[in-house]
Amino acid sequence: MKATKAILVLCLTIFLLNISLKAQEKYQATWESLSKYKIPDWFRDAKFGIFIHWGVYSVPAFGSEWYPRQMYLAGSDEYKHHIATYGTQNKFGYKDFIPMFKAEKFDPAAWVALFKKAGAKYVVPVAEHHDGFAMYKTSLSKWNAFDMGPHRDVVGELAAEVKKQGLIFGLSSHRIEHWWFFNGGKRFDSDVLDPKYNDYYGPAHNEDETMSPEYMNDWMMRDMELVNNYQPQLVWFDWWIEQPALAAYKKSFAQFYYNKGLDWNKGVVINYKLNAYPDGVAVLDLERGKLGDIKPIAWQTDDAIGNQSWGYTTANTFKDARYVVTNLIDIVSKNGNLLLNIGPKSDGTITGQETQVLLGTGKWLDVNGDAIYGTRPWKIYGEGPTKSASGSFADQKEPFTWRDVRFTTKGDVLYVTTLGLPDGRLSIKALSTKSGNGKIIEIKMLGSNQKVIWKQKDDELIIEPSKNYSSEIAVSYVLEFVH
């Protein structure tokens, strides 16, 4: 066996890969044709993005971003809160929050600068949530942020600033769930029943009613308008697009969007949940969860810093930076990306708690990012005593420790990242002499000139703790194997 050189490091080296797509045949609206889709390198290299849930629901700031639905469900906390605070729903409905949504402090340049400082590589604002209020200038509905509320093309301003500051722009559409979102307001005297507002609250059907061709066509037209106007390199869809009736429309949109990517000479991504698209045709996304092992095809977690709500609420609680960082490491080791959500206030300010989490994440990435950006999975994702959560809506209940390690690779480099700051002797079984993974000649630590004390034994690699290492949120060990 040839000798192997290993370097142990803590670092961040940020780079962006310019993508040049080779000439390719145009996609057709068939699963066979769409199965030829390849996930672009920019997505696989980026690893970390920012999701933004911001809309009219940030005005009541109660419960969650589902306030517009819940306020029309008799007996719910939101229903009771609404009547007590604003009056009955036939006198003050959800539409009446729109003039209160002013976004007077919205500063897209400052937002994007913060996201860059957090270490994010792509940004995905919600273009339209289930409430049906478009956060962009649209020709398909008067209920939008350019003609009402802030009187600003929020998505357009963010798109321009994200691209200006060198990040990748994406957007999300939750429009399809609007089919039934306001149906509770039809069950009692509310403004949902007022025919003057059918073009906003409608169609408000029951969840088990099959969507009409007109509604599904409107969904696709809105998505196509977003693609044409803002050229996003990622389009994220929520779970309800898995409805069987939408199959032909999903294929048609994928054909349209993937061919746009070819025209732009840019790699594009569709995110989907559950089984909405066949495996490999688009990129799987798991809400507030992750996978328990390596998936050969790149995937993504969307998670929120807020624990109770994706949008801003006054009672929300928040994860800390250590939770975000350790889960980012875990996700990336399994071939995944993390799309981390924030929920700005209605005036356009980002909460202090979320800002601190973003800055803490960026501080860690400034030291350790080489173990994240541009990496690919190793033979195994890692080892350690703590069981990883797995599946959608599966938060990491048991915190990771420094005895848990994760592996990633980049070329000839193997990165070994601990999920905490070691305060004792670290044992790595997968790097023992009998593991077949090479003899280690040298180990160095990124971000530090300290000499690393280590010993490779038959059954384990032992690394002694570093006494004077800067106590960042976690420590990344990067092992460089030169064959």
Protein backbone atom coordinates (compact mmCIF):
# COMPACT_ATOMS: atom_id res chain seq x y z
CA MET A 1 0.00 0.00 0.00
CA LYS A 2 1.31 3.47 -0.89
CA ALA A 3 1.96 5.92 1.91
CA THR A 4 -0.76 8.46 2.52
CA LYS A 5 -0.23 11.98 3.74
CA ALA A 6 -2.94 13.38 5.99
CA ILE A 7 -3.40 16.99 7.05
CA LEU A 8 -5.73 17.92 9.87
CA VAL A 9 -7.25 21.39 9.46
CA LEU A 10 -9.82 23.97 10.63
CA CYS A 11 -10.60 26.42 7.85
CA LEU A 12 -12.82 28.18 5.40
CA THR A 13 -11.99 28.69 1.78
CA ILE A 14 -14.97 30.08 -0.11
CA PHE A 15 -15.07 29.69 -3.83
CA LEU A 16 -17.66 29.82 -6.56
CA LEU A 17 -17.47 27.51 -9.54
CA ASN A 18 -18.36 29.02 -12.91
CA ILE A 19 -20.52 26.53 -14.74
CA SER A 20 -20.44 26.08 -18.48
CA LEU A 21 -23.02 23.64 -19.73
CA LYS A 22 -22.27 21.63 -22.83
CA ALA A 23 -24.64 21.74 -25.73
CA GLN A 24 -27.52 19.42 -25.00
CA GLU A 25 -30.72 18.33 -26.63
CA LYS A 26 -33.80 20.12 -25.43
CA TYR A 27 -35.92 18.38 -22.80
CA GLN A 28 -39.33 16.98 -23.61
CA ALA A 29 -42.30 16.77 -21.23
CA THR A 30 -41.79 13.07 -20.53
CA TRP A 31 -40.26 11.38 -17.52
CA GLU A 32 -37.87 9.54 -19.85
CA SER A 33 -36.52 12.80 -21.24
CA LEU A 34 -36.51 14.59 -17.88
CA SER A 35 -34.61 11.70 -16.30
CA LYS A 36 -31.54 12.88 -18.26
CA TYR A 37 -31.38 15.93 -15.98
CA LYS A 38 -28.12 16.39 -14.07
CA ILE A 39 -27.90 18.33 -10.82
CA PRO A 40 -25.59 21.31 -11.45
CA ASP A 41 -22.24 21.55 -9.71
CA TRP A 42 -23.06 24.96 -8.24
CA PHE A 43 -25.78 23.35 -6.11
CA ARG A 44 -23.62 20.42 -5.07
CA ASP A 45 -20.79 22.81 -4.15
CA ALA A 46 -22.86 25.49 -2.39
CA LYS A 47 -24.14 23.35 0.51
CA PHE A 48 -25.74 26.25 2.40
CA GLY A 49 -28.55 28.61 1.42
CA ILE A 50 -31.01 31.03 3.02
CA PHE A 51 -34.79 30.61 2.82
CA ILE A 52 -37.00 33.67 3.52
CA HIS A 53 -40.62 33.43 4.68
CA TRP A 54 -41.89 37.00 4.55
CA GLY A 55 -45.37 38.15 3.77
CA VAL A 56 -48.63 39.63 5.04
CA TYR A 57 -48.73 36.98 7.79
CA SER A 58 -45.86 38.85 9.50
CA VAL A 59 -48.32 41.63 10.40
CA PRO A 60 -50.49 39.69 12.89
CA ALA A 61 -47.28 37.86 13.93
CA PHE A 62 -49.26 35.26 15.86
CA GLY A 63 -49.13 31.46 15.75
CA SER A 64 -47.31 30.88 12.48
CA GLU A 65 -47.27 31.74 8.79
CA TRP A 66 -50.49 29.69 8.63
CA TYR A 67 -52.35 32.44 10.49
CA PRO A 68 -54.39 33.30 7.33
CA ARG A 69 -55.86 29.80 7.34
CA GLN A 70 -56.13 29.29 11.06
CA MET A 71 -57.96 32.59 11.68
CA TYR A 72 -60.87 31.16 9.67
CA LEU A 73 -60.96 27.83 11.52
CA ALA A 74 -63.53 28.29 14.27
CA GLY A 75 -62.20 27.47 17.73
CA SER A 76 -58.50 27.72 16.88
CA ASP A 77 -56.18 29.92 18.91
CA GLU A 78 -55.72 32.16 15.88
CA TYR A 79 -59.50 32.44 15.42
CA LYS A 80 -59.95 33.53 19.03
CA HIS A 81 -56.96 35.86 18.94
CA HIS A 82 -58.19 37.49 15.76
CA ILE A 83 -61.63 38.29 17.11
CA ALA A 84 -60.22 39.58 20.40
CA THR A 85 -57.60 41.74 18.68
CA TYR A 86 -59.13 42.86 15.37
CA GLY A 87 -62.82 41.98 15.48
CA THR A 88 -64.93 39.41 13.67
CA GLN A 89 -63.80 38.00 10.34
CA ASN A 90 -66.73 39.54 8.46
CA LYS A 91 -65.57 43.00 9.57
CA PHE A 92 -61.79 42.52 9.50
CA GLY A 93 -60.50 39.75 7.29
CA TYR A 94 -57.02 38.67 6.28
CA LYS A 95 -57.08 41.06 3.29
CA ASP A 96 -57.28 43.96 5.75
CA PHE A 97 -53.74 43.23 6.96
CA ILE A 98 -52.36 44.07 3.51
CA PRO A 99 -52.34 47.88 3.96
CA MET A 100 -50.56 47.30 7.29
CA PHE A 101 -47.76 45.40 5.53
CA LYS A 102 -45.55 48.38 4.69
CA ALA A 103 -42.00 46.93 4.70
CA GLU A 104 -40.72 50.43 5.41
CA LYS A 105 -37.31 49.18 6.62
CA PHE A 106 -36.75 46.55 3.93
CA ASP A 107 -33.14 46.86 2.74
CA PRO A 108 -32.27 44.10 0.26
CA ALA A 109 -28.59 45.12 0.12
CA ALA A 110 -28.24 44.77 3.90
CA TRP A 111 -30.12 41.46 3.87
CA VAL A 112 -27.86 39.92 1.24
CA ALA A 113 -24.72 41.27 2.93
CA LEU A 114 -25.83 39.47 6.11
CA PHE A 115 -26.48 36.25 4.19
CA LYS A 116 -22.99 36.43 2.68
CA LYS A 117 -21.50 36.99 6.10
CA ALA A 118 -23.39 33.91 7.29
CA GLY A 119 -21.61 31.89 4.61
CA ALA A 120 -24.66 31.22 2.44
CA LYS A 121 -24.17 30.63 -1.28
CA TYR A 122 -27.76 30.89 -2.49
CA VAL A 123 -30.89 32.78 -1.42
CA VAL A 124 -34.50 31.62 -1.84
CA PRO A 125 -37.30 34.07 -0.92
CA VAL A 126 -40.90 32.88 -0.89
CA ALA A 127 -42.46 34.38 -4.01
CA GLU A 128 -45.99 33.39 -3.02
CA HIS A 129 -47.14 31.51 0.05
CA HIS A 130 -50.39 29.63 0.58
CA ASP A 131 -52.15 32.92 1.36
CA GLY A 132 -52.06 33.86 -2.34
CA PHE A 133 -50.35 37.24 -1.90
CA ALA A 134 -47.57 37.51 -4.46
CA MET A 135 -44.38 39.14 -3.19
CA TYR A 136 -43.51 40.28 -6.71
CA LYS A 137 -44.82 42.32 -9.61
CA THR A 138 -47.20 40.10 -11.55
CA SER A 139 -49.58 40.49 -14.45
CA LEU A 140 -51.70 37.57 -13.23
CA SER A 141 -53.13 38.99 -9.98
CA LYS A 142 -53.72 42.41 -8.48
CA TRP A 143 -53.02 40.91 -5.05
CA ASN A 144 -49.30 41.53 -5.01
CA ALA A 145 -46.66 43.52 -3.13
CA PHE A 146 -46.00 45.88 -6.04
CA ASP A 147 -49.62 47.06 -6.38
CA MET A 148 -50.55 46.79 -2.68
CA GLY A 149 -48.95 46.84 0.76
CA PRO A 150 -45.27 47.76 0.39
CA HIS A 151 -45.70 48.81 -3.27
CA ARG A 152 -42.35 47.17 -4.00
CA ASP A 153 -41.30 44.24 -6.16
CA VAL A 154 -39.75 42.39 -3.22
CA VAL A 155 -38.66 39.33 -5.21
CA GLY A 156 -37.29 41.51 -8.00
CA GLU A 157 -35.27 43.68 -5.64
CA LEU A 158 -33.84 40.63 -3.89
CA ALA A 159 -33.06 38.93 -7.19
CA ALA A 160 -31.07 41.95 -8.37
CA GLU A 161 -29.16 42.29 -5.10
CA VAL A 162 -28.40 38.59 -4.72
CA LYS A 163 -26.92 38.48 -8.21
CA LYS A 164 -25.07 41.78 -7.67
CA GLN A 165 -23.38 40.42 -4.56
CA GLY A 166 -22.33 37.21 -6.30
CA LEU A 167 -24.76 34.67 -4.82
CA ILE A 168 -27.17 32.33 -6.60
CA PHE A 169 -30.82 33.43 -6.73
CA GLY A 170 -33.73 31.06 -6.29
CA LEU A 171 -37.37 31.39 -5.24
CA SER A 172 -40.22 29.28 -3.92
CA SER A 173 -43.86 28.92 -4.89
CA HIS A 174 -46.46 27.60 -2.44
CA ARG A 175 -49.31 28.63 -4.71
CA ILE A 176 -50.77 25.18 -5.27
CA GLU A 177 -52.00 24.88 -1.65
CA HIS A 178 -54.10 28.02 -2.14
CA TRP A 179 -56.71 25.73 -3.73
CA TRP A 180 -58.08 24.98 -0.27
CA PHE A 181 -56.23 27.36 2.04
CA PHE A 182 -59.13 29.69 2.89
CA ASN A 183 -61.94 27.11 2.87
CA GLY A 184 -62.60 27.54 6.61
CA GLY A 185 -63.91 31.01 5.90
CA LYS A 186 -66.82 29.54 3.93
CA ARG A 187 -68.22 27.80 7.00
CA PHE A 188 -69.33 30.92 8.88
CA ASP A 189 -69.96 34.60 8.22
CA SER A 190 -66.62 35.95 7.00
CA ASP A 191 -65.24 38.09 4.19
CA VAL A 192 -64.20 34.91 2.36
CA LEU A 193 -67.88 34.67 1.35
CA ASP A 194 -67.90 38.19 -0.11
CA PRO A 195 -67.90 37.86 -3.93
CA LYS A 196 -65.82 41.05 -4.18
CA TYR A 197 -62.83 39.06 -2.93
CA ASN A 198 -63.24 35.83 -4.87
CA ASP A 199 -60.16 36.70 -6.90
CA TYR A 200 -58.13 36.63 -3.70
CA TYR A 201 -59.65 34.10 -1.31
CA GLY A 202 -60.86 31.76 -4.03
CA PRO A 203 -61.18 29.02 -4.97
CA ALA A 204 -61.27 27.81 -1.30
CA HIS A 205 -62.30 24.28 -2.19
CA ASN A 206 -62.08 21.25 0.07
CA GLU A 207 -58.76 19.45 0.17
CA ASP A 208 -60.26 16.30 -1.36
CA GLU A 209 -61.61 18.11 -4.43
CA THR A 210 -59.56 17.60 -7.57
CA MET A 211 -58.06 20.82 -8.86
CA SER A 212 -59.62 22.27 -11.99
CA PRO A 213 -57.59 22.52 -15.22
CA GLU A 214 -58.01 26.30 -15.03
CA TYR A 215 -56.45 26.43 -11.58
CA MET A 216 -53.56 24.13 -12.49
CA ASN A 217 -52.90 26.13 -15.64
CA ASP A 218 -52.86 29.32 -13.57
CA TRP A 219 -50.33 27.68 -11.23
CA MET A 220 -48.05 26.87 -14.14
CA MET A 221 -48.46 30.31 -15.73
CA ARG A 222 -47.43 31.99 -12.45
CA ASP A 223 -44.37 29.77 -12.19
CA MET A 224 -43.40 30.47 -15.78
CA GLU A 225 -43.82 34.20 -15.22
CA LEU A 226 -41.46 34.01 -12.24
CA VAL A 227 -38.87 32.14 -14.29
CA ASN A 228 -39.10 34.55 -17.21
CA ASN A 229 -38.98 37.70 -15.07
CA TYR A 230 -36.31 36.79 -12.50
CA GLN A 231 -34.28 33.91 -14.00
CA PRO A 232 -33.97 31.94 -10.73
CA GLN A 233 -31.50 29.07 -10.72
CA LEU A 234 -33.63 27.22 -8.17
CA VAL A 235 -37.40 26.83 -7.92
CA TRP A 236 -38.70 25.28 -4.70
CA PHE A 237 -42.17 23.71 -4.45
CA ASP A 238 -44.10 22.69 -1.35
CA TRP A 239 -45.59 19.27 -0.82
CA TRP A 240 -49.03 19.53 -2.46
CA ILE A 241 -47.69 19.44 -6.02
CA GLU A 242 -47.68 15.66 -5.55
CA GLN A 243 -51.41 15.61 -6.43
CA PRO A 244 -51.92 13.13 -9.32
CA ALA A 245 -53.96 15.64 -11.32
CA LEU A 246 -50.91 17.91 -11.57
CA ALA A 247 -48.62 15.31 -13.19
CA ALA A 248 -48.79 16.68 -16.74
CA TYR A 249 -48.33 20.25 -15.54
CA LYS A 250 -45.29 19.30 -13.46
CA LYS A 251 -43.70 17.66 -16.48
CA SER A 252 -44.46 20.67 -18.64
CA PHE A 253 -42.99 23.07 -16.10
CA ALA A 254 -39.83 20.97 -15.70
CA GLN A 255 -39.44 20.85 -19.49
CA PHE A 256 -39.88 24.64 -19.72
CA TYR A 257 -37.54 25.42 -16.82
CA TYR A 258 -34.77 22.97 -17.68
CA ASN A 259 -34.75 24.24 -21.26
CA LYS A 260 -34.54 27.80 -19.93
CA GLY A 261 -31.46 26.72 -18.01
CA LEU A 262 -29.94 25.46 -21.25
CA ASP A 263 -30.78 28.75 -22.96
CA TRP A 264 -29.17 30.71 -20.11
CA ASN A 265 -26.19 28.34 -19.99
CA LYS A 266 -26.80 28.02 -16.25
CA GLY A 267 -27.54 25.00 -14.11
CA VAL A 268 -31.03 25.06 -12.59
CA VAL A 269 -32.69 23.09 -9.80
CA ILE A 270 -36.26 22.12 -8.92
CA ASN A 271 -36.82 21.21 -5.26
CA TYR A 272 -39.72 18.91 -4.44
CA LYS A 273 -41.02 17.00 -1.41
CA LEU A 274 -42.20 13.45 -0.86
CA ASN A 275 -42.84 11.72 -4.22
CA ALA A 276 -43.85 14.75 -6.30
CA TYR A 277 -41.12 14.04 -8.86
CA PRO A 278 -39.40 10.75 -9.70
CA ASP A 279 -36.02 10.26 -8.08
CA GLY A 280 -33.32 11.94 -10.17
CA VAL A 281 -35.64 14.18 -12.18
CA ALA A 282 -35.35 16.96 -9.57
CA VAL A 283 -33.81 17.46 -6.12
CA LEU A 284 -35.56 15.97 -3.07
CA ASP A 285 -36.15 18.34 -0.14
CA LEU A 286 -37.00 17.25 3.41
CA GLU A 287 -38.81 19.71 5.66
CA ARG A 288 -37.30 20.12 9.15
CA GLY A 289 -35.53 16.79 8.79
CA LYS A 290 -32.69 14.94 7.13
CA LEU A 291 -31.52 11.55 5.95
CA GLY A 292 -29.89 8.97 8.17
CA ASP A 293 -27.26 7.92 5.61
CA ILE A 294 -25.60 8.98 2.37
CA LYS A 295 -27.93 9.40 -0.61
CA PRO A 296 -26.11 8.97 -3.93
CA ILE A 297 -28.18 11.76 -5.49
CA ALA A 298 -27.77 15.23 -3.95
CA TRP A 299 -30.65 16.32 -1.73
CA GLN A 300 -31.63 19.18 0.59
CA THR A 301 -33.05 19.93 4.02
CA ASP A 302 -35.16 23.02 4.54
CA ASP A 303 -35.13 24.01 8.19
CA ALA A 304 -35.97 27.18 10.11
CA ILE A 305 -34.06 29.00 12.81
CA GLY A 306 -37.48 29.57 14.38
CA ASN A 307 -38.88 26.57 16.22
CA GLN A 308 -42.61 27.32 16.04
CA SER A 309 -42.97 29.32 12.83
CA TRP A 310 -41.28 29.93 9.50
CA GLY A 311 -42.63 33.47 9.42
CA TYR A 312 -42.17 36.11 12.10
CA THR A 313 -44.22 35.79 15.28
CA THR A 314 -43.75 37.55 18.60
CA ALA A 315 -43.70 34.26 20.54
CA ASN A 316 -41.29 32.30 18.35
CA THR A 317 -38.24 30.64 19.91
CA PHE A 318 -35.01 29.96 18.07
CA LYS A 319 -32.30 27.38 17.52
CA ASP A 320 -28.74 28.41 18.32
CA ALA A 321 -25.76 28.56 15.97
CA ARG A 322 -24.27 25.35 17.37
CA TYR A 323 -27.40 23.42 16.40
CA VAL A 324 -27.31 24.89 12.90
CA VAL A 325 -23.60 24.21 12.40
CA THR A 326 -23.58 20.62 13.64
CA ASN A 327 -26.61 19.75 11.56
CA LEU A 328 -25.08 21.43 8.51
CA ILE A 329 -22.00 19.23 8.94
CA ASP A 330 -24.14 16.12 9.36
CA ILE A 331 -26.29 16.93 6.31
CA VAL A 332 -23.33 17.71 4.05
CA SER A 333 -21.59 14.45 5.02
CA LYS A 334 -24.65 12.63 3.61
CA ASN A 335 -24.59 14.49 0.27
CA GLY A 336 -27.15 17.09 1.33
CA ASN A 337 -27.57 20.86 1.40
CA LEU A 338 -29.10 22.99 4.16
CA LEU A 339 -31.61 25.70 3.22
CA LEU A 340 -31.95 27.67 6.45
CA ASN A 341 -35.02 29.87 6.90
CA ILE A 342 -35.47 33.27 8.50
CA GLY A 343 -38.74 35.15 9.10
CA PRO A 344 -38.35 38.96 8.95
CA LYS A 345 -40.71 41.34 10.73
CA SER A 346 -43.40 43.13 8.73
CA ASP A 347 -41.29 46.30 8.59
CA GLY A 348 -38.47 44.41 6.87
CA THR A 349 -36.07 44.00 9.79
CA ILE A 350 -34.48 40.65 10.62
CA THR A 351 -34.76 39.66 14.27
CA GLY A 352 -31.75 39.98 16.54
CA GLN A 353 -31.96 36.30 17.46
CA GLU A 354 -31.84 35.16 13.84
CA THR A 355 -29.08 37.64 13.04
CA GLN A 356 -26.92 36.24 15.83
CA VAL A 357 -27.46 32.68 14.61
CA LEU A 358 -26.50 33.68 11.08
CA LEU A 359 -23.38 35.49 12.27
CA GLY A 360 -22.41 32.57 14.50
CA THR A 361 -22.78 30.16 11.60
CA GLY A 362 -20.66 32.42 9.41
CA LYS A 363 -17.99 32.68 12.11
CA TRP A 364 -17.70 28.90 12.18
CA LEU A 365 -17.60 28.67 8.40
CA ASP A 366 -14.88 31.32 8.27
CA VAL A 367 -12.63 28.80 10.04
CA ASN A 368 -14.01 25.46 8.92
CA GLY A 369 -15.67 25.97 5.54
CA ASP A 370 -13.20 23.84 3.59
CA ALA A 371 -14.89 20.83 5.16
CA ILE A 372 -18.23 22.01 3.71
CA TYR A 373 -18.03 23.90 0.41
CA GLY A 374 -17.32 21.93 -2.75
CA THR A 375 -17.11 18.62 -0.93
CA ARG A 376 -18.55 15.21 -1.75
CA PRO A 377 -19.41 12.25 0.50
CA TRP A 378 -16.75 9.77 1.56
CA LYS A 379 -17.21 5.99 1.85
CA ILE A 380 -19.20 6.46 5.06
CA TYR A 381 -20.78 9.65 6.43
CA GLY A 382 -19.21 9.35 9.89
CA GLU A 383 -19.09 7.61 13.22
CA GLY A 384 -19.84 8.33 16.87
CA PRO A 385 -22.24 7.51 19.69
CA THR A 386 -25.09 9.94 18.87
CA LYS A 387 -27.89 8.66 16.66
CA SER A 388 -28.79 10.97 13.79
CA ALA A 389 -32.40 11.94 13.23
CA SER A 390 -33.87 10.69 9.96
CA GLY A 391 -36.89 11.67 7.85
CA SER A 392 -39.07 14.76 7.47
CA PHE A 393 -40.06 16.70 10.60
CA ALA A 394 -37.27 14.99 12.52
CA ASP A 395 -35.32 17.55 14.51
CA GLN A 396 -32.04 16.40 16.05
CA LYS A 397 -33.39 15.90 19.57
CA GLU A 398 -30.21 14.39 20.98
CA PRO A 399 -27.37 16.91 20.63
CA PHE A 400 -24.22 15.81 18.87
CA THR A 401 -20.96 15.71 20.82
CA TRP A 402 -17.28 16.04 19.99
CA ARG A 403 -17.05 12.26 19.89
CA ASP A 404 -19.27 12.32 16.78
CA VAL A 405 -17.28 12.83 13.58
CA ARG A 406 -18.32 13.36 9.96
CA PHE A 407 -16.38 12.76 6.75
CA THR A 408 -16.36 14.74 3.52
CA THR A 409 -13.97 14.75 0.56
CA LYS A 410 -12.66 17.18 -2.04
CA GLY A 411 -10.29 15.75 -4.61
CA ASP A 412 -7.59 13.92 -2.66
CA VAL A 413 -8.56 15.56 0.62
CA LEU A 414 -10.52 13.80 3.34
CA TYR A 415 -12.11 16.11 5.90
CA VAL A 416 -12.89 14.76 9.36
CA THR A 417 -15.12 17.12 11.30
CA THR A 418 -15.97 16.77 14.95
CA LEU A 419 -19.43 17.93 16.00
CA GLY A 420 -18.15 19.73 19.07
CA LEU A 421 -14.95 21.15 20.50
CA PRO A 422 -12.92 18.16 21.74
CA ASP A 423 -11.88 18.25 25.38
CA GLY A 424 -10.47 14.75 25.46
CA ARG A 425 -8.73 12.12 23.37
CA LEU A 426 -10.53 11.62 20.04
CA SER A 427 -10.80 8.11 18.60
CA ILE A 428 -11.61 7.54 14.89
CA LYS A 429 -12.14 3.86 14.07
CA ALA A 430 -12.47 4.32 10.29
CA LEU A 431 -8.89 5.60 10.09
CA SER A 432 -7.14 2.73 11.90
CA THR A 433 -4.26 0.95 10.16
CA LYS A 434 -6.48 -2.09 9.59
CA SER A 435 -9.27 -0.04 8.02
CA GLY A 436 -7.67 -0.13 4.59
CA ASN A 437 -7.94 3.62 4.21
CA GLY A 438 -4.21 4.35 4.12
CA LYS A 439 -1.29 5.07 6.38
CA ILE A 440 -1.32 8.58 7.78
CA ILE A 441 1.96 10.50 7.56
CA GLU A 442 0.97 13.94 8.83
CA ILE A 443 -1.99 15.68 10.45
CA LYS A 444 -2.52 19.43 10.58
CA MET A 445 -5.34 21.63 11.80
CA LEU A 446 -6.79 24.35 9.59
CA GLY A 447 -6.86 27.74 11.26
CA SER A 448 -4.11 26.81 13.68
CA ASN A 449 -0.35 26.33 13.64
CA GLN A 450 -0.46 24.04 16.64
CA LYS A 451 1.21 20.71 16.29
CA VAL A 452 -1.33 17.93 16.37
CA ILE A 453 -0.40 14.96 18.54
CA TRP A 454 -1.76 11.73 17.11
CA LYS A 455 -1.15 8.02 16.72
CA GLN A 456 -2.53 5.57 14.17
CA LYS A 457 -3.13 2.18 15.75
CA ASP A 458 -4.48 -1.12 14.50
CA ASP A 459 -8.01 -0.43 15.71
CA GLU A 460 -8.22 3.37 15.81
CA LEU A 461 -6.64 6.74 15.08
CA ILE A 462 -6.03 8.67 18.30
CA ILE A 463 -5.86 12.47 18.33
CA GLU A 464 -4.92 14.24 21.53
CA PRO A 465 -6.87 17.39 22.47
CA SER A 466 -5.45 20.79 21.48
CA LYS A 467 -5.15 22.93 24.59
CA ASN A 468 -5.04 26.39 23.06
CA TYR A 469 -7.36 26.07 20.10
CA SER A 470 -9.86 28.91 19.65
CA SER A 471 -13.14 27.75 21.15
CA GLU A 472 -15.35 28.13 18.12
CA ILE A 473 -18.67 26.30 17.98
CA ALA A 474 -17.04 23.11 16.68
CA VAL A 475 -13.75 21.80 15.31
CA SER A 476 -13.09 20.44 11.83
CA TYR A 477 -10.28 17.99 11.19
CA VAL A 478 -9.25 17.88 7.53
CA LEU A 479 -7.17 14.87 6.47
CA GLU A 480 -5.39 15.23 3.12
CA PHE A 481 -4.44 11.93 1.51
CA VAL A 482 -1.73 12.21 -1.17
CA HIS A 483 -1.33 8.90 -3.05
